[in-house]
Amino acid sequence: MKQVIQMQESGKIAPRQFMIFIILFMIGSSILLLAKFIAAEAKQDAWITAIILAGAGFLLAWLYKALGNLFPDMTLVEYSQEILGKWLGKTLSLLFFTYTFFLCAITLRQISNFFTSTMMPETPIESIHILLLGIVIMGVQYGLENMARTSEIFFPWVCILFFTIVIFVSPQMEFENIQPIFAKGANPILHAVFMQLGFPYLELVLFLMLFPYVNRVKEAGRAFLTGSIIGGIILFSITLLTILVLGAEAAENEHFPSYILAQKIDVGRFFQRIESIMAGLWIITTFFKLQICYYVSVLVLAQTLEIHDYRSLTLPFAMILMVLAVVIAPDMSYLINFIANIWTPYSLAFGLCMPLFLFVIAKVKLKFLEREKS
């Protein structure tokens, strides 16, 4: 199996770069929309939902870490065939490819919708798709190592932008906005946790395709857990600030509540249009999420079909993705409803059931082999 890996990707990344990938992936798209989705269900208790979601995300990361450690030199596609056999493993990998490709389309549509609804309303959405995909293709063509180095360059800026928002928006917090706590009991909170677990926590299963490319495999699992914790804390912080400043009703009704949150910052007439900070934070992180999804998609299909070089798929994928991103949702309201109500049940099959099934079967096989040897 190592030979297959070398055909597909020869680059290696450090555990720190792997952790940064996970943090950027979790923040991307979720930082603008997660507060809206959970406020629609949990209202002023949305911050409690965000805490539980972060905990659930940590447990999922632990599952992915445990599965990755069983096969440290293989990707998810490769050890699926090792565990289930060639044809059943390939079938599962093709299904997983559809999941990653749909996630690509949804992420691309989220970026373009943000541009056309807030910053460039007269720009055709196809133009934004062409521009974004051109940059994504360039990054994927250069390989995983270059993508990782680029993420290290942008990560400090993401941290600066995040702390800038937190510092400047904190004076406008009103703790009355989170009262009364548990006004409608635990059921709305738990329902919100279930419905939003797929955005972005179940999506972290994609990183099982990058796990063997970490140059110090023993540290990859720790980086996975650390990245999920930091990403969860950031999403919780933005959700809490959104509820404290805007209130649950405004968070639910706005398309991009975190963007509106940044508009509330007022530091004098010489420092205006501060919402561009949130826009910059979101654009950077969502771009990296799109790039990771795109890279994983082409890698999954290349390894499943045993194509020598995944780079040959990047341009055809972009042409298909441009069309899919337009037809997957007629408008923003449809896309939001799809993510809020359908995405998590769909993601459960690939983000929880599939890795859990593979982990259990692999453990049973390993125990059986140990008994045979003894």
Protein backbone atom coordinates (compact mmCIF):
# COMPACT_ATOMS: atom_id res chain seq x y z
CA MET A 1 0.00 0.00 0.00
CA LYS A 2 2.88 2.41 0.59
CA GLN A 3 3.62 2.28 -3.14
CA VAL A 4 0.14 3.59 -3.94
CA ILE A 5 0.65 6.50 -1.58
CA GLN A 6 3.89 7.47 -3.26
CA MET A 7 2.21 7.50 -6.67
CA GLN A 8 -0.50 9.84 -5.46
CA GLU A 9 1.32 12.25 -3.15
CA SER A 10 4.99 12.27 -2.23
CA GLY A 11 4.84 15.36 -0.01
CA LYS A 12 4.86 15.37 3.78
CA ILE A 13 3.52 17.93 6.27
CA ALA A 14 4.42 18.63 9.89
CA PRO A 15 1.98 17.95 12.76
CA ARG A 16 1.69 21.71 13.33
CA GLN A 17 0.67 22.23 9.71
CA PHE A 18 -1.86 19.40 10.05
CA MET A 19 -3.31 21.14 13.12
CA ILE A 20 -3.54 24.47 11.26
CA PHE A 21 -5.36 22.75 8.40
CA ILE A 22 -7.95 21.43 10.86
CA ILE A 23 -8.46 24.81 12.55
CA LEU A 24 -8.87 26.68 9.24
CA PHE A 25 -11.18 23.96 7.93
CA MET A 26 -13.43 24.18 11.00
CA ILE A 27 -13.63 27.97 10.96
CA GLY A 28 -14.22 28.18 7.22
CA SER A 29 -17.91 28.82 6.37
CA SER A 30 -18.98 27.84 9.91
CA ILE A 31 -17.90 31.13 11.50
CA LEU A 32 -20.54 33.09 9.57
CA LEU A 33 -23.41 30.58 9.59
CA LEU A 34 -23.19 28.32 12.65
CA ALA A 35 -24.65 30.90 15.05
CA LYS A 36 -27.66 31.33 12.75
CA PHE A 37 -28.39 27.61 12.55
CA ILE A 38 -28.17 26.85 16.25
CA ALA A 39 -29.99 30.05 17.28
CA ALA A 40 -32.92 28.96 15.11
CA GLU A 41 -33.33 25.89 17.35
CA ALA A 42 -31.85 26.76 20.75
CA LYS A 43 -32.55 30.54 20.74
CA GLN A 44 -30.62 32.27 23.57
CA ASP A 45 -29.19 28.91 24.65
CA ALA A 46 -27.20 28.69 21.41
CA TRP A 47 -23.95 29.19 23.34
CA ILE A 48 -24.69 26.03 25.36
CA THR A 49 -25.25 24.17 22.09
CA ALA A 50 -21.89 25.44 20.83
CA ILE A 51 -20.15 24.03 23.93
CA ILE A 52 -21.76 20.60 23.47
CA LEU A 53 -20.92 20.65 19.76
CA ALA A 54 -17.26 21.36 20.57
CA GLY A 55 -17.25 18.39 22.96
CA ALA A 56 -18.87 16.14 20.38
CA GLY A 57 -16.33 17.32 17.82
CA PHE A 58 -13.52 16.30 20.17
CA LEU A 59 -15.01 12.79 20.51
CA LEU A 60 -15.26 12.48 16.73
CA ALA A 61 -11.65 13.62 16.38
CA TRP A 62 -10.66 10.94 18.91
CA LEU A 63 -12.42 8.30 16.78
CA TYR A 64 -10.63 9.51 13.64
CA LYS A 65 -7.32 9.55 15.52
CA ALA A 66 -7.85 5.96 16.74
CA LEU A 67 -8.72 4.76 13.23
CA GLY A 68 -5.79 6.61 11.66
CA ASN A 69 -3.36 5.14 14.19
CA LEU A 70 -4.39 1.60 13.23
CA PHE A 71 -3.16 2.24 9.67
CA PRO A 72 -0.62 5.08 9.96
CA ASP A 73 0.80 4.52 6.45
CA MET A 74 -2.53 4.36 4.62
CA THR A 75 -5.31 6.73 3.67
CA LEU A 76 -8.99 6.01 4.30
CA VAL A 77 -9.40 4.73 0.74
CA GLU A 78 -6.48 2.32 1.09
CA TYR A 79 -7.36 0.73 4.41
CA SER A 80 -11.02 0.48 3.40
CA GLN A 81 -9.84 -2.06 0.82
CA GLU A 82 -7.51 -3.64 3.38
CA ILE A 83 -10.38 -4.11 5.88
CA LEU A 84 -13.34 -4.88 3.60
CA GLY A 85 -11.67 -6.35 0.53
CA LYS A 86 -10.95 -4.75 -2.82
CA TRP A 87 -14.42 -4.40 -4.35
CA LEU A 88 -16.40 -3.58 -1.23
CA GLY A 89 -13.68 -1.15 -0.20
CA LYS A 90 -13.73 0.54 -3.61
CA THR A 91 -17.53 0.84 -3.47
CA LEU A 92 -17.31 2.51 -0.06
CA SER A 93 -14.59 4.83 -1.37
CA LEU A 94 -16.71 5.89 -4.34
CA LEU A 95 -19.58 6.72 -1.98
CA PHE A 96 -17.16 8.70 0.16
CA PHE A 97 -16.04 10.57 -2.96
CA THR A 98 -19.62 11.74 -3.59
CA TYR A 99 -19.70 13.13 -0.05
CA THR A 100 -16.44 15.05 -0.46
CA PHE A 101 -17.46 16.37 -3.86
CA PHE A 102 -20.85 17.60 -2.59
CA LEU A 103 -19.02 19.32 0.26
CA CYS A 104 -16.82 21.05 -2.34
CA ALA A 105 -19.88 22.31 -4.19
CA ILE A 106 -21.59 23.54 -1.01
CA THR A 107 -18.47 25.34 0.20
CA LEU A 108 -17.94 27.00 -3.19
CA ARG A 109 -21.57 28.12 -3.26
CA GLN A 110 -21.31 29.54 0.26
CA ILE A 111 -18.34 31.72 -0.73
CA SER A 112 -19.98 32.97 -3.92
CA ASN A 113 -23.29 33.66 -2.16
CA PHE A 114 -21.49 35.74 0.44
CA PHE A 115 -19.80 37.85 -2.24
CA THR A 116 -22.94 38.37 -4.31
CA SER A 117 -25.19 39.19 -1.34
CA THR A 118 -22.90 41.49 0.67
CA MET A 119 -19.99 42.89 -1.32
CA MET A 120 -20.52 42.46 -5.10
CA PRO A 121 -24.27 42.09 -5.76
CA GLU A 122 -23.98 42.83 -9.48
CA THR A 123 -21.20 40.33 -10.16
CA PRO A 124 -22.27 37.09 -11.90
CA ILE A 125 -21.83 34.15 -9.58
CA GLU A 126 -20.04 32.20 -12.32
CA SER A 127 -17.27 34.80 -12.41
CA ILE A 128 -16.58 34.27 -8.73
CA HIS A 129 -16.54 30.50 -9.26
CA ILE A 130 -13.96 30.80 -12.05
CA LEU A 131 -11.70 33.06 -9.99
CA LEU A 132 -11.84 30.87 -6.87
CA LEU A 133 -11.42 27.57 -8.66
CA GLY A 134 -8.49 28.92 -10.66
CA ILE A 135 -6.63 29.67 -7.42
CA VAL A 136 -7.69 26.34 -5.88
CA ILE A 137 -6.46 24.37 -8.90
CA MET A 138 -3.14 26.18 -8.74
CA GLY A 139 -2.72 25.28 -5.06
CA VAL A 140 -3.70 21.63 -5.55
CA GLN A 141 -1.37 21.30 -8.54
CA TYR A 142 1.57 22.44 -6.42
CA GLY A 143 0.82 19.71 -3.88
CA LEU A 144 0.15 19.21 -0.20
CA GLU A 145 3.42 20.63 1.10
CA ASN A 146 2.90 23.99 -0.62
CA MET A 147 -0.69 24.15 0.59
CA ALA A 148 0.55 23.54 4.15
CA ARG A 149 3.22 26.26 3.92
CA THR A 150 0.65 28.72 2.60
CA SER A 151 -1.64 27.93 5.54
CA GLU A 152 1.23 28.75 7.94
CA ILE A 153 1.60 32.17 6.30
CA PHE A 154 -2.10 33.02 6.63
CA PHE A 155 -2.77 31.45 10.05
CA PRO A 156 -1.24 34.33 12.11
CA TRP A 157 -3.43 36.77 10.18
CA VAL A 158 -6.49 34.67 10.96
CA CYS A 159 -5.57 34.81 14.67
CA ILE A 160 -5.04 38.59 14.53
CA LEU A 161 -8.38 39.17 12.78
CA PHE A 162 -10.21 36.91 15.23
CA PHE A 163 -8.81 38.61 18.35
CA THR A 164 -9.45 42.03 16.80
CA ILE A 165 -13.13 41.21 16.45
CA VAL A 166 -13.36 39.78 19.98
CA ILE A 167 -11.65 42.81 21.55
CA PHE A 168 -13.63 45.47 19.71
CA VAL A 169 -17.04 43.84 19.95
CA SER A 170 -16.82 42.83 23.64
CA PRO A 171 -17.89 46.26 25.02
CA GLN A 172 -21.29 45.84 23.35
CA MET A 173 -22.13 42.56 25.09
CA GLU A 174 -25.47 42.45 26.94
CA PHE A 175 -25.80 39.45 29.21
CA GLU A 176 -29.58 39.84 29.25
CA ASN A 177 -29.53 38.37 25.73
CA ILE A 178 -28.67 34.90 27.06
CA GLN A 179 -31.40 34.94 29.71
CA PRO A 180 -33.40 33.01 30.72
CA ILE A 181 -31.11 29.97 30.49
CA PHE A 182 -32.87 26.69 29.61
CA ALA A 183 -36.08 28.63 28.96
CA LYS A 184 -37.54 25.76 26.91
CA GLY A 185 -35.62 22.94 28.55
CA ALA A 186 -32.90 20.73 27.12
CA ASN A 187 -34.77 19.37 24.09
CA PRO A 188 -34.19 22.36 21.74
CA ILE A 189 -30.50 22.39 22.71
CA LEU A 190 -30.02 18.68 22.05
CA HIS A 191 -31.96 18.89 18.79
CA ALA A 192 -29.75 21.78 17.67
CA VAL A 193 -26.66 19.73 18.57
CA PHE A 194 -27.84 16.83 16.44
CA MET A 195 -28.86 18.94 13.46
CA GLN A 196 -25.60 20.95 13.36
CA LEU A 197 -23.11 18.20 14.18
CA GLY A 198 -22.40 17.84 10.47
CA PHE A 199 -21.34 21.48 10.12
CA PRO A 200 -18.36 21.23 10.47
CA TYR A 201 -17.57 18.47 12.98
CA LEU A 202 -18.56 15.37 10.98
CA GLU A 203 -16.76 16.86 7.98
CA LEU A 204 -13.44 16.34 9.80
CA VAL A 205 -13.51 12.76 8.49
CA LEU A 206 -11.85 14.17 5.35
CA PHE A 207 -8.59 14.49 7.29
CA LEU A 208 -8.25 10.71 7.40
CA MET A 209 -7.08 11.12 3.80
CA LEU A 210 -4.24 13.38 5.00
CA PHE A 211 -3.29 11.43 8.13
CA PRO A 212 -0.50 9.30 6.57
CA TYR A 213 1.17 12.36 5.05
CA VAL A 214 2.11 13.79 8.45
CA ASN A 215 5.88 13.32 8.74
CA ARG A 216 5.70 12.35 12.43
CA VAL A 217 2.75 9.99 12.48
CA LYS A 218 2.85 9.50 16.25
CA GLU A 219 2.13 13.23 16.70
CA ALA A 220 -0.61 13.35 14.04
CA GLY A 221 -3.30 12.14 16.44
CA ARG A 222 -2.39 14.76 19.04
CA ALA A 223 -2.45 17.45 16.34
CA PHE A 224 -5.89 16.22 15.26
CA LEU A 225 -7.27 16.54 18.80
CA THR A 226 -5.61 19.90 19.43
CA GLY A 227 -6.88 21.35 16.17
CA SER A 228 -10.44 20.21 16.90
CA ILE A 229 -10.32 21.76 20.39
CA ILE A 230 -9.00 25.12 19.17
CA GLY A 231 -11.50 25.20 16.27
CA GLY A 232 -14.34 24.38 18.66
CA ILE A 233 -13.30 27.16 21.05
CA ILE A 234 -13.22 29.71 18.22
CA LEU A 235 -16.68 28.70 16.96
CA PHE A 236 -18.05 28.78 20.51
CA SER A 237 -16.58 32.27 21.07
CA ILE A 238 -18.11 33.70 17.90
CA THR A 239 -21.48 32.09 18.69
CA LEU A 240 -21.48 33.48 22.24
CA LEU A 241 -20.52 36.98 21.04
CA THR A 242 -23.21 36.90 18.37
CA ILE A 243 -25.91 36.05 20.91
CA LEU A 244 -24.62 38.52 23.52
CA VAL A 245 -24.39 41.43 21.08
CA LEU A 246 -27.16 40.83 18.53
CA GLY A 247 -29.57 38.64 20.49
CA ALA A 248 -31.02 35.28 19.48
CA GLU A 249 -33.73 36.73 17.23
CA ALA A 250 -31.33 38.79 15.12
CA ALA A 251 -28.87 35.88 14.94
CA GLU A 252 -31.64 33.65 13.59
CA ASN A 253 -33.03 36.10 11.04
CA GLU A 254 -29.80 37.40 9.49
CA HIS A 255 -28.21 35.42 6.65
CA PHE A 256 -24.69 36.11 8.00
CA PRO A 257 -25.07 37.10 11.68
CA SER A 258 -21.32 37.17 12.40
CA TYR A 259 -20.84 39.65 9.56
CA ILE A 260 -23.56 41.85 11.09
CA LEU A 261 -21.78 41.41 14.43
CA ALA A 262 -18.64 42.97 12.96
CA GLN A 263 -20.71 45.90 11.65
CA LYS A 264 -21.64 46.74 15.25
CA ILE A 265 -18.05 47.66 16.05
CA ASP A 266 -17.68 51.42 16.47
CA VAL A 267 -14.24 52.87 17.24
CA GLY A 268 -14.66 56.37 15.88
CA ARG A 269 -15.14 58.02 12.52
CA PHE A 270 -11.53 57.41 11.47
CA PHE A 271 -11.84 53.63 11.75
CA GLN A 272 -14.86 52.46 9.77
CA ARG A 273 -16.04 49.51 7.65
CA ILE A 274 -14.67 47.19 10.33
CA GLU A 275 -16.87 44.38 9.01
CA SER A 276 -14.23 43.87 6.35
CA ILE A 277 -12.18 42.21 9.10
CA MET A 278 -14.83 39.50 9.50
CA ALA A 279 -15.09 39.23 5.72
CA GLY A 280 -11.32 38.78 5.46
CA LEU A 281 -11.28 36.18 8.23
CA TRP A 282 -14.09 34.24 6.60
CA ILE A 283 -12.71 34.44 3.05
CA ILE A 284 -9.27 33.16 4.10
CA THR A 285 -10.58 30.25 6.17
CA THR A 286 -13.31 29.25 3.71
CA PHE A 287 -10.83 29.31 0.84
CA PHE A 288 -8.60 26.84 2.71
CA LYS A 289 -11.62 24.68 3.47
CA LEU A 290 -12.53 24.65 -0.23
CA GLN A 291 -8.95 23.82 -1.18
CA ILE A 292 -8.74 20.93 1.30
CA CYS A 293 -12.11 19.54 0.15
CA TYR A 294 -11.02 19.79 -3.48
CA TYR A 295 -7.67 18.14 -2.81
CA VAL A 296 -9.27 15.29 -0.85
CA SER A 297 -11.92 14.75 -3.55
CA VAL A 298 -9.42 14.32 -6.37
CA LEU A 299 -7.16 12.18 -4.16
CA VAL A 300 -10.05 9.88 -3.16
CA LEU A 301 -11.06 9.27 -6.77
CA ALA A 302 -7.46 8.88 -7.98
CA GLN A 303 -6.68 6.26 -5.33
CA THR A 304 -10.00 4.46 -5.82
CA LEU A 305 -9.53 4.20 -9.59
CA GLU A 306 -5.76 3.69 -9.20
CA ILE A 307 -4.90 6.72 -11.34
CA HIS A 308 -1.17 7.41 -11.22
CA ASP A 309 -1.35 11.18 -10.68
CA TYR A 310 -4.32 12.97 -9.07
CA ARG A 311 -3.30 16.26 -10.75
CA SER A 312 -4.75 15.06 -14.05
CA LEU A 313 -8.21 15.26 -12.47
CA THR A 314 -8.05 18.83 -11.18
CA LEU A 315 -9.23 20.66 -14.33
CA PRO A 316 -12.12 18.28 -15.25
CA PHE A 317 -13.27 18.40 -11.62
CA ALA A 318 -13.37 22.19 -11.71
CA MET A 319 -15.61 22.22 -14.79
CA ILE A 320 -18.07 19.82 -13.16
CA LEU A 321 -17.91 21.66 -9.84
CA MET A 322 -18.78 25.00 -11.43
CA VAL A 323 -22.05 23.57 -12.72
CA LEU A 324 -22.83 21.57 -9.58
CA ALA A 325 -22.32 24.60 -7.32
CA VAL A 326 -24.97 26.50 -9.30
CA VAL A 327 -27.58 23.75 -9.56
CA ILE A 328 -27.16 22.37 -6.02
CA ALA A 329 -29.15 25.31 -4.61
CA PRO A 330 -31.39 27.73 -6.57
CA ASP A 331 -30.91 30.49 -3.97
CA MET A 332 -29.43 31.30 -0.57
CA SER A 333 -32.56 30.34 1.37
CA TYR A 334 -32.59 26.88 -0.20
CA LEU A 335 -28.89 26.40 0.59
CA ILE A 336 -29.34 27.44 4.23
CA ASN A 337 -32.30 25.10 4.62
CA PHE A 338 -30.29 22.25 3.08
CA ILE A 339 -27.35 22.76 5.44
CA ALA A 340 -29.56 23.23 8.51
CA ASN A 341 -31.90 20.28 7.99
CA ILE A 342 -30.39 17.75 5.58
CA TRP A 343 -26.61 17.98 5.75
CA THR A 344 -26.11 16.41 9.20
CA PRO A 345 -28.25 13.28 8.57
CA TYR A 346 -26.36 12.83 5.29
CA SER A 347 -22.98 13.46 6.95
CA LEU A 348 -23.67 10.93 9.72
CA ALA A 349 -23.29 8.08 7.23
CA PHE A 350 -19.73 9.17 6.30
CA GLY A 351 -18.58 11.08 9.36
CA LEU A 352 -19.69 8.61 12.04
CA CYS A 353 -21.12 5.32 10.72
CA MET A 354 -18.38 4.65 8.13
CA PRO A 355 -15.31 5.29 10.35
CA LEU A 356 -16.92 3.55 13.33
CA PHE A 357 -17.76 0.53 11.18
CA LEU A 358 -14.21 0.38 9.78
CA PHE A 359 -12.72 0.79 13.25
CA VAL A 360 -14.79 -2.05 14.74
CA ILE A 361 -14.11 -4.44 11.83
CA ALA A 362 -10.39 -3.62 11.89
CA LYS A 363 -10.20 -4.27 15.65
CA VAL A 364 -12.00 -7.59 15.26
CA LYS A 365 -9.66 -8.63 12.44
CA LEU A 366 -6.57 -7.66 14.40
CA LYS A 367 -7.70 -9.65 17.44
CA PHE A 368 -8.47 -12.65 15.25
CA LEU A 369 -5.00 -12.48 13.68
CA GLU A 370 -3.38 -12.23 17.12
CA ARG A 371 -5.24 -15.34 18.28
CA GLU A 372 -4.14 -17.24 15.18
CA LYS A 373 -0.49 -16.32 15.78
CA SER A 374 -0.66 -17.34 19.44
